[in-house]
C-alpha atoms as a PDB file:
ATOM      1  CA  UNK A   1     121.024  94.124 120.985  1.00  0.00           C
ATOM      2  CA  UNK A   2     117.765  95.690 119.846  1.00  0.00           C
ATOM      3  CA  UNK A   3     117.489  96.490 116.153  1.00  0.00           C
ATOM      4  CA  UNK A   4     115.842  99.830 115.429  1.00  0.00           C
ATOM      5  CA  UNK A   5     114.624 101.331 112.187  1.00  0.00           C
ATOM      6  CA  UNK A   6     113.449 104.836 111.558  1.00  0.00           C
ATOM      7  CA  UNK A   7     110.354 105.101 109.394  1.00  0.00           C
ATOM      8  CA  UNK A   8     109.835 108.486 107.850  1.00  0.00           C
ATOM      9  CA  UNK A   9     106.455 109.252 106.366  1.00  0.00           C
ATOM     10  CA  UNK A  10     106.455 112.211 104.029  1.00  0.00           C
ATOM     11  CA  UNK A  11     104.713 113.630 101.016  1.00  0.00           C
ATOM     12  CA  UNK A  12     107.013 115.127  98.426  1.00  0.00           C
ATOM     13  CA  UNK A  13     105.804 116.920  95.337  1.00  0.00           C
ATOM     14  CA  UNK A  14     109.269 117.262  93.835  1.00  0.00           C
ATOM     15  CA  UNK A  15     111.570 114.318  94.535  1.00  0.00           C
ATOM     16  CA  UNK A  16     115.056 115.426  93.510  1.00  0.00           C
ATOM     17  CA  UNK A  17     117.103 112.996  95.565  1.00  0.00           C
ATOM     18  CA  UNK A  18     116.643 109.248  95.446  1.00  0.00           C
ATOM     19  CA  UNK A  19     117.984 107.274  98.389  1.00  0.00           C
ATOM     20  CA  UNK A  20     117.983 103.517  97.885  1.00  0.00           C
ATOM     21  CA  UNK A  21     117.201 101.550 101.037  1.00  0.00           C
ATOM     22  CA  UNK A  22     117.353  97.841 101.674  1.00  0.00           C
ATOM     23  CA  UNK A  23     114.105  96.005 102.313  1.00  0.00           C
ATOM     24  CA  UNK A  24     113.294  95.439 105.991  1.00  0.00           C
ATOM     25  CA  UNK A  25     110.691  92.883 107.145  1.00  0.00           C
ATOM     26  CA  UNK A  26     109.163  95.479 109.487  1.00  0.00           C
ATOM     27  CA  UNK A  27     107.448  97.087 106.489  1.00  0.00           C
ATOM     28  CA  UNK A  28     104.740  94.434 106.848  1.00  0.00           C
ATOM     29  CA  UNK A  29     104.065  95.473 110.453  1.00  0.00           C
ATOM     30  CA  UNK A  30     104.100  99.182 109.541  1.00  0.00           C
ATOM     31  CA  UNK A  31     101.530  98.493 106.812  1.00  0.00           C
ATOM     32  CA  UNK A  32      99.337  96.397 109.141  1.00  0.00           C
ATOM     33  CA  UNK A  33      99.327  99.227 111.673  1.00  0.00           C
ATOM     34  CA  UNK A  34      98.320 101.828 109.070  1.00  0.00           C
ATOM     35  CA  UNK A  35      95.671  99.505 107.637  1.00  0.00           C
ATOM     36  CA  UNK A  36      94.020  99.218 111.069  1.00  0.00           C
ATOM     37  CA  UNK A  37      93.883 103.010 111.352  1.00  0.00           C
ATOM     38  CA  UNK A  38      92.337 103.355 107.892  1.00  0.00           C
ATOM     39  CA  UNK A  39      89.721 100.670 108.600  1.00  0.00           C
ATOM     40  CA  UNK A  40      88.856 102.362 111.894  1.00  0.00           C
ATOM     41  CA  UNK A  41      88.375 105.682 110.091  1.00  0.00           C
ATOM     42  CA  UNK A  42      86.573 104.449 106.955  1.00  0.00           C
ATOM     43  CA  UNK A  43      84.953 101.155 107.967  1.00  0.00           C
ATOM     44  CA  UNK A  44      85.524  97.455 107.339  1.00  0.00           C
ATOM     45  CA  UNK A  45      84.265  97.447 103.740  1.00  0.00           C
ATOM     46  CA  UNK A  46      87.104  99.738 102.638  1.00  0.00           C
ATOM     47  CA  UNK A  47      89.555  98.038 100.256  1.00  0.00           C
ATOM     48  CA  UNK A  48      93.166  98.616 101.295  1.00  0.00           C
ATOM     49  CA  UNK A  49      96.269  97.335  99.505  1.00  0.00           C
ATOM     50  CA  UNK A  50      99.984  97.615 100.196  1.00  0.00           C
ATOM     51  CA  UNK A  51     101.702  98.386  96.881  1.00  0.00           C
ATOM     52  CA  UNK A  52     105.109  99.534  95.722  1.00  0.00           C
ATOM     53  CA  UNK A  53     108.607  98.407  96.633  1.00  0.00           C
ATOM     54  CA  UNK A  54     107.958  97.992 100.370  1.00  0.00           C
ATOM     55  CA  UNK A  55     105.268  95.418  99.537  1.00  0.00           C
ATOM     56  CA  UNK A  56     107.776  93.140  97.779  1.00  0.00           C
ATOM     57  CA  UNK A  57     110.108  91.171 100.076  1.00  0.00           C
ATOM     58  CA  UNK A  58     113.814  91.693  99.341  1.00  0.00           C
ATOM     59  CA  UNK A  59     113.146  94.519  96.871  1.00  0.00           C
ATOM     60  CA  UNK A  60     114.854  97.738  97.899  1.00  0.00           C
ATOM     61  CA  UNK A  61     113.427 101.166  97.266  1.00  0.00           C
ATOM     62  CA  UNK A  62     112.732 104.569  98.784  1.00  0.00           C
ATOM     63  CA  UNK A  63     111.498 103.080 102.061  1.00  0.00           C
ATOM     64  CA  UNK A  64     108.117 104.798 101.780  1.00  0.00           C
ATOM     65  CA  UNK A  65     104.914 102.803 102.300  1.00  0.00           C
ATOM     66  CA  UNK A  66     102.542 103.072  99.353  1.00  0.00           C
ATOM     67  CA  UNK A  67      98.960 102.288 100.308  1.00  0.00           C
ATOM     68  CA  UNK A  68      95.997 102.307  97.938  1.00  0.00           C
ATOM     69  CA  UNK A  69      92.547 102.858  99.442  1.00  0.00           C
ATOM     70  CA  UNK A  70      89.291 102.057  97.660  1.00  0.00           C
ATOM     71  CA  UNK A  71      86.061 103.328  99.133  1.00  0.00           C
ATOM     72  CA  UNK A  72      82.799 101.508  98.317  1.00  0.00           C
ATOM     73  CA  UNK A  73      80.442 103.481  96.110  1.00  0.00           C
ATOM     74  CA  UNK A  74      77.897 103.763  98.918  1.00  0.00           C
ATOM     75  CA  UNK A  75      80.440 105.709 101.042  1.00  0.00           C
ATOM     76  CA  UNK A  76      81.445 108.250  98.400  1.00  0.00           C
ATOM     77  CA  UNK A  77      80.227 111.783  98.937  1.00  0.00           C
ATOM     78  CA  UNK A  78      77.967 113.234  96.324  1.00  0.00           C
END
């Protein structure tokens, strides 16, 4: 039987409801996929880190990927 997970990506300014979700190993693959897209858009010198609860195996949380992106000084707009 195939195991399926729904990944919802959303931006919420006012988070009134907290839903605790168990950690799933697929978070690593979701992050890797997003990282490739960011590198394609911003270039290979971009610093990208997976942070937050989905970055820590066996730690539950909101189930939202938190990604921090650092752009080299030479790429910043002036």
